Amino acid sequence: MNKLFYLSVLLALVLTSGCKTSETAKSDKESAVGVIAHRGYWDIEGSVENSISSLQNAIDGHFYGSEIDVHLTIDDVAVIYHDNKIEKTIPIQESDYTDLENVRLRNGEELPLLEKHLEVISKQNHTKLIIEIKSHSTPERNRDAAQVVYNMVKEYNVEKLCEYISFSMDACKELIKLNKKNKVSFLTGSVKNAPDPATLAKEGFWGIDYKDAVFVEHPEFIKNAHDAGMKVNVWTVNDDAQMQKMVDMGVDFITTDNPDRLKRLLIITSNPVRRNK
């Protein structure tokens, strides 16, 4: 943690605390920022990315959300893992689940299935599961993945506790088609090709989920999204100064590998932390 950064922030707060007016000060609703743990809160001894323990850690930390990555196997089992290949050798989307069921994560946990995460998330009501549907080999498989995931979410009766993100436009549109109330955000890291939020809003998207570099290049996207009634998430921000910059720009959520640091930063800088109701 950069102590000089926090000292400078505290000094600025002292100097400006008497200068806020009702016209310039943001309300809690306007300034609240949601903390999303990227692949769960895994940077704790005994945990790893996308594990059940990382999800439970995020829940215990009372973060707004815990993000996971979902692949479909050939036989349509929803597996939680980030990369397309397990340990760079076993291609998830080209395997039957029977080829994967004995895989263990680095902390000894079983390779998690979506149903296990849904079971955990169903036992509480303050942390949301941010489900990234990974891009698959064809538009049809992307739509299949969206259908399998949504059906499981319905089965566990956790629709209000789940939000969806994807780089696949096919998967996103299928989720919107399945239920217009689904909170779906389009993911991209492309500065040149990021869609304008107004275009996505017309297609039923709930939000945008863009890399920080996109907002640095196109700060107007944040206002455009809000004007269209959309939410704005930025990923994956791990640097204190960049976290503060994104907060100042007005994003609604920040996805980070350091959710505890972001939460402390928001408290120190008097930015309310967004909580689920």
Protein backbone atom coordinates (compact mmCIF):
# COMPACT_ATOMS: atom_id res chain seq x y z
CA MET A 1 0.00 0.00 0.00
CA ASN A 2 1.32 3.44 -0.92
CA LYS A 3 1.38 5.33 2.40
CA LEU A 4 2.29 8.63 0.77
CA PHE A 5 -0.75 8.33 -1.48
CA TYR A 6 -3.11 7.87 1.45
CA LEU A 7 -1.47 10.68 3.43
CA SER A 8 -1.95 13.02 0.49
CA VAL A 9 -5.57 11.93 0.19
CA LEU A 10 -6.21 12.55 3.88
CA LEU A 11 -4.59 15.96 3.69
CA ALA A 12 -6.75 16.86 0.72
CA LEU A 13 -9.84 15.82 2.62
CA VAL A 14 -8.92 18.02 5.56
CA LEU A 15 -8.27 21.00 3.32
CA THR A 16 -11.48 20.61 1.34
CA SER A 17 -13.86 19.34 4.01
CA GLY A 18 -15.26 22.82 4.64
CA CYS A 19 -15.57 23.70 0.98
CA LYS A 20 -18.32 21.28 -0.13
CA THR A 21 -21.74 22.68 -0.88
CA SER A 22 -25.02 20.94 -1.54
CA GLU A 23 -24.53 21.76 -5.21
CA THR A 24 -21.10 20.15 -5.57
CA ALA A 25 -21.22 17.26 -3.14
CA LYS A 26 -22.37 13.93 -4.56
CA SER A 27 -25.08 11.97 -2.81
CA ASP A 28 -24.33 8.47 -1.53
CA LYS A 29 -26.42 7.04 -4.35
CA GLU A 30 -24.45 8.96 -6.98
CA SER A 31 -20.99 8.25 -5.61
CA ALA A 32 -21.33 4.69 -4.31
CA VAL A 33 -18.90 2.33 -6.06
CA GLY A 34 -19.34 -1.44 -6.13
CA VAL A 35 -16.28 -3.61 -5.47
CA ILE A 36 -16.11 -6.73 -7.63
CA ALA A 37 -13.56 -9.42 -6.78
CA HIS A 38 -11.94 -10.59 -10.02
CA ARG A 39 -12.20 -14.40 -10.12
CA GLY A 40 -13.22 -14.18 -6.48
CA TYR A 41 -11.17 -12.97 -3.54
CA TRP A 42 -8.36 -15.42 -4.12
CA ASP A 43 -5.30 -13.54 -2.86
CA ILE A 44 -5.59 -15.17 0.55
CA GLU A 45 -3.60 -18.13 1.84
CA GLY A 46 -5.31 -21.38 0.90
CA SER A 47 -7.35 -19.98 -1.98
CA VAL A 48 -6.94 -19.74 -5.75
CA GLU A 49 -8.76 -18.03 -8.61
CA ASN A 50 -12.31 -19.16 -9.38
CA SER A 51 -12.40 -21.56 -6.45
CA ILE A 52 -15.25 -22.06 -4.02
CA SER A 53 -13.02 -20.63 -1.29
CA SER A 54 -12.43 -17.46 -3.34
CA LEU A 55 -16.19 -17.00 -3.65
CA GLN A 56 -16.70 -17.54 0.07
CA ASN A 57 -13.90 -15.06 0.82
CA ALA A 58 -15.67 -12.45 -1.32
CA ILE A 59 -18.92 -13.12 0.51
CA ASP A 60 -17.15 -12.84 3.86
CA GLY A 61 -15.63 -9.55 2.69
CA HIS A 62 -19.11 -8.20 1.86
CA PHE A 63 -18.01 -7.12 -1.62
CA TYR A 64 -20.67 -6.18 -4.15
CA GLY A 65 -19.76 -9.06 -6.44
CA SER A 66 -17.52 -12.03 -7.11
CA GLU A 67 -16.68 -12.72 -10.75
CA ILE A 68 -16.27 -16.21 -12.25
CA ASP A 69 -15.47 -17.64 -15.69
CA VAL A 70 -17.71 -20.30 -17.25
CA HIS A 71 -16.92 -22.78 -20.02
CA LEU A 72 -19.15 -25.50 -21.46
CA THR A 73 -17.72 -28.95 -21.99
CA ILE A 74 -18.77 -30.98 -25.03
CA ASP A 75 -21.49 -32.59 -22.93
CA ASP A 76 -22.75 -29.18 -21.72
CA VAL A 77 -21.36 -29.19 -18.19
CA ALA A 78 -20.68 -25.64 -16.95
CA VAL A 79 -17.12 -25.62 -15.60
CA ILE A 80 -15.51 -22.72 -13.74
CA TYR A 81 -11.98 -21.93 -14.93
CA HIS A 82 -10.35 -18.91 -16.54
CA ASP A 83 -8.13 -20.24 -19.31
CA ASN A 84 -9.38 -22.30 -22.23
CA LYS A 85 -7.02 -25.10 -21.25
CA ILE A 86 -6.40 -26.51 -17.79
CA GLU A 87 -2.72 -26.07 -16.95
CA LYS A 88 -2.26 -25.25 -20.65
CA THR A 89 -2.88 -28.87 -21.64
CA ILE A 90 -6.54 -29.95 -21.37
CA PRO A 91 -8.95 -28.00 -23.63
CA ILE A 92 -12.13 -27.59 -21.57
CA GLN A 93 -14.53 -26.88 -24.39
CA GLU A 94 -13.25 -29.86 -26.38
CA SER A 95 -13.50 -32.32 -23.49
CA ASP A 96 -16.21 -34.39 -21.89
CA TYR A 97 -16.66 -33.68 -18.21
CA THR A 98 -15.47 -37.21 -17.43
CA ASP A 99 -12.04 -36.09 -18.71
CA LEU A 100 -12.01 -33.27 -16.15
CA GLU A 101 -13.72 -34.59 -13.04
CA ASN A 102 -10.47 -35.67 -11.38
CA VAL A 103 -8.76 -32.31 -11.92
CA ARG A 104 -7.76 -30.45 -8.77
CA LEU A 105 -6.97 -26.77 -8.39
CA ARG A 106 -3.63 -25.70 -6.96
CA ASN A 107 -5.11 -25.48 -3.45
CA GLY A 108 -6.48 -29.01 -3.65
CA GLU A 109 -10.12 -28.10 -4.34
CA GLU A 110 -12.04 -29.94 -7.03
CA LEU A 111 -12.43 -28.23 -10.39
CA PRO A 112 -15.56 -26.20 -9.58
CA LEU A 113 -18.84 -26.47 -11.40
CA LEU A 114 -21.30 -23.61 -11.80
CA GLU A 115 -23.87 -25.44 -9.69
CA LYS A 116 -21.52 -25.39 -6.69
CA HIS A 117 -21.06 -21.63 -6.96
CA LEU A 118 -24.82 -21.13 -7.29
CA GLU A 119 -25.37 -23.25 -4.21
CA VAL A 120 -22.98 -21.08 -2.19
CA ILE A 121 -24.38 -17.79 -3.50
CA SER A 122 -27.93 -18.91 -2.67
CA LYS A 123 -27.13 -19.07 1.04
CA GLN A 124 -26.63 -15.30 1.40
CA ASN A 125 -28.08 -12.09 -0.06
CA HIS A 126 -25.38 -9.41 -0.07
CA THR A 127 -22.82 -10.51 -2.69
CA LYS A 128 -23.70 -11.08 -6.32
CA LEU A 129 -22.22 -13.67 -8.65
CA ILE A 130 -20.86 -11.95 -11.75
CA ILE A 131 -20.92 -14.71 -14.37
CA GLU A 132 -18.60 -14.31 -17.33
CA ILE A 133 -19.55 -16.65 -20.13
CA LYS A 134 -16.34 -17.35 -21.98
CA SER A 135 -16.28 -17.14 -25.76
CA HIS A 136 -16.82 -20.51 -27.43
CA SER A 137 -15.91 -21.80 -30.87
CA THR A 138 -19.12 -20.91 -32.71
CA PRO A 139 -22.07 -18.52 -32.32
CA GLU A 140 -24.26 -21.56 -31.64
CA ARG A 141 -22.06 -22.74 -28.77
CA ASN A 142 -22.04 -19.24 -27.32
CA ARG A 143 -25.84 -19.29 -27.31
CA ASP A 144 -25.82 -22.81 -25.86
CA ALA A 145 -23.59 -21.61 -23.02
CA ALA A 146 -25.96 -18.73 -22.27
CA GLN A 147 -28.93 -21.08 -22.18
CA VAL A 148 -27.25 -23.64 -19.92
CA VAL A 149 -26.06 -20.97 -17.50
CA TYR A 150 -29.39 -19.15 -17.31
CA ASN A 151 -31.35 -22.36 -16.83
CA MET A 152 -29.12 -23.29 -13.90
CA VAL A 153 -29.51 -19.83 -12.36
CA LYS A 154 -33.29 -20.24 -12.57
CA GLU A 155 -33.11 -23.74 -11.14
CA TYR A 156 -31.30 -22.44 -8.05
CA ASN A 157 -33.69 -19.47 -7.80
CA VAL A 158 -30.85 -16.93 -7.68
CA GLU A 159 -31.79 -14.72 -10.61
CA LYS A 160 -31.66 -11.62 -8.42
CA LEU A 161 -28.18 -12.54 -7.21
CA CYS A 162 -26.59 -13.04 -10.63
CA GLU A 163 -25.34 -10.67 -13.30
CA TYR A 164 -23.81 -11.62 -16.65
CA ILE A 165 -20.85 -10.44 -18.70
CA SER A 166 -19.27 -11.74 -21.89
CA PHE A 167 -16.98 -10.83 -24.77
CA SER A 168 -19.41 -12.81 -26.94
CA MET A 169 -22.17 -10.66 -28.37
CA ASP A 170 -24.05 -13.85 -29.24
CA ALA A 171 -24.05 -15.00 -25.61
CA CYS A 172 -25.09 -11.56 -24.37
CA LYS A 173 -27.97 -11.24 -26.80
CA GLU A 174 -29.15 -14.75 -25.98
CA LEU A 175 -29.28 -13.89 -22.28
CA ILE A 176 -31.33 -10.78 -23.06
CA LYS A 177 -33.62 -12.84 -25.30
CA LEU A 178 -34.13 -15.42 -22.55
CA ASN A 179 -35.16 -12.77 -20.04
CA LYS A 180 -35.22 -9.03 -20.64
CA LYS A 181 -34.70 -8.52 -16.90
CA ASN A 182 -31.29 -10.22 -17.00
CA LYS A 183 -28.53 -7.79 -16.09
CA VAL A 184 -26.18 -8.23 -19.03
CA SER A 185 -23.04 -6.19 -19.73
CA PHE A 186 -20.84 -6.38 -22.80
CA LEU A 187 -17.14 -6.96 -22.15
CA THR A 188 -14.34 -5.50 -24.22
CA GLY A 189 -10.78 -4.35 -23.89
CA SER A 190 -10.65 -2.86 -27.37
CA VAL A 191 -10.04 0.87 -27.38
CA LYS A 192 -10.75 1.13 -31.11
CA ASN A 193 -13.78 -1.14 -31.37
CA ALA A 194 -15.66 -0.65 -28.09
CA PRO A 195 -19.35 -0.09 -28.90
CA ASP A 196 -20.93 3.17 -27.88
CA PRO A 197 -23.18 2.50 -24.87
CA ALA A 198 -26.19 4.12 -26.54
CA THR A 199 -26.12 1.43 -29.22
CA LEU A 200 -26.03 -1.36 -26.63
CA ALA A 201 -28.80 0.23 -24.58
CA LYS A 202 -31.14 0.00 -27.56
CA GLU A 203 -30.48 -3.75 -27.69
CA GLY A 204 -31.44 -4.27 -24.06
CA PHE A 205 -28.04 -4.30 -22.39
CA TRP A 206 -28.00 -3.37 -18.69
CA GLY A 207 -24.41 -2.15 -18.67
CA ILE A 208 -20.94 -1.94 -20.17
CA ASP A 209 -17.85 -3.65 -18.79
CA TYR A 210 -14.79 -2.07 -20.39
CA LYS A 211 -11.08 -2.15 -19.68
CA ASP A 212 -9.76 1.01 -18.00
CA ALA A 213 -7.82 1.99 -21.13
CA VAL A 214 -11.11 2.30 -23.03
CA PHE A 215 -12.45 4.89 -20.58
CA VAL A 216 -9.18 6.80 -20.59
CA GLU A 217 -9.49 7.10 -24.36
CA HIS A 218 -13.28 7.55 -24.37
CA PRO A 219 -14.35 9.18 -21.08
CA GLU A 220 -17.59 10.20 -22.77
CA PHE A 221 -18.68 6.54 -22.71
CA ILE A 222 -19.37 6.82 -18.98
CA LYS A 223 -21.76 9.75 -19.39
CA ASN A 224 -23.31 8.19 -22.48
CA ALA A 225 -23.99 4.99 -20.54
CA HIS A 226 -25.51 6.82 -17.59
CA ASP A 227 -27.62 8.98 -19.88
CA ALA A 228 -28.96 5.76 -21.40
CA GLY A 229 -29.76 4.36 -17.97
CA MET A 230 -26.90 1.86 -18.01
CA LYS A 231 -24.35 0.82 -15.40
CA VAL A 232 -20.59 1.11 -15.91
CA ASN A 233 -17.99 -1.39 -14.75
CA VAL A 234 -14.24 -1.12 -15.36
CA TRP A 235 -11.70 -3.96 -15.29
CA THR A 236 -9.16 -5.04 -14.04
CA VAL A 237 -7.87 -2.16 -11.91
CA ASN A 238 -5.21 -3.02 -9.31
CA ASP A 239 -3.26 0.23 -8.95
CA ASP A 240 -4.34 2.67 -6.23
CA ALA A 241 -3.98 5.77 -8.40
CA GLN A 242 -5.91 4.18 -11.27
CA MET A 243 -8.63 3.05 -8.87
CA GLN A 244 -9.03 6.63 -7.70
CA LYS A 245 -9.04 7.90 -11.28
CA MET A 246 -11.87 5.54 -12.22
CA VAL A 247 -13.84 6.57 -9.12
CA ASP A 248 -13.38 10.23 -10.05
CA MET A 249 -14.53 9.51 -13.62
CA GLY A 250 -17.81 8.18 -12.24
CA VAL A 251 -17.83 4.43 -12.84
CA ASP A 252 -20.38 2.37 -10.89
CA PHE A 253 -18.25 -0.72 -10.31
CA ILE A 254 -14.56 -1.62 -10.30
CA THR A 255 -13.36 -5.17 -10.88
CA THR A 256 -10.03 -5.81 -9.17
CA ASP A 257 -7.67 -8.51 -7.94
CA ASN A 258 -7.32 -6.42 -4.77
CA PRO A 259 -10.88 -5.91 -3.51
CA ASP A 260 -9.78 -5.33 0.09
CA ARG A 261 -7.46 -2.51 -0.99
CA LEU A 262 -10.14 -0.91 -3.13
CA LYS A 263 -12.64 -1.08 -0.29
CA ARG A 264 -10.18 0.61 2.08
CA LEU A 265 -9.41 3.25 -0.53
CA LEU A 266 -13.10 4.06 -0.91
CA ILE A 267 -13.47 4.40 2.85
CA ILE A 268 -10.38 6.60 3.23
CA THR A 269 -11.47 8.89 0.40
CA SER A 270 -15.02 9.10 1.75
CA ASN A 271 -16.56 7.37 -1.26
CA PRO A 272 -19.46 5.19 -0.12
CA VAL A 273 -19.14 1.50 -0.96
CA ARG A 274 -22.08 0.23 -2.98
CA ARG A 275 -24.03 -2.50 -1.20
CA ASN A 276 -26.78 -4.80 -2.39
CA LYS A 277 -30.18 -4.22 -0.92
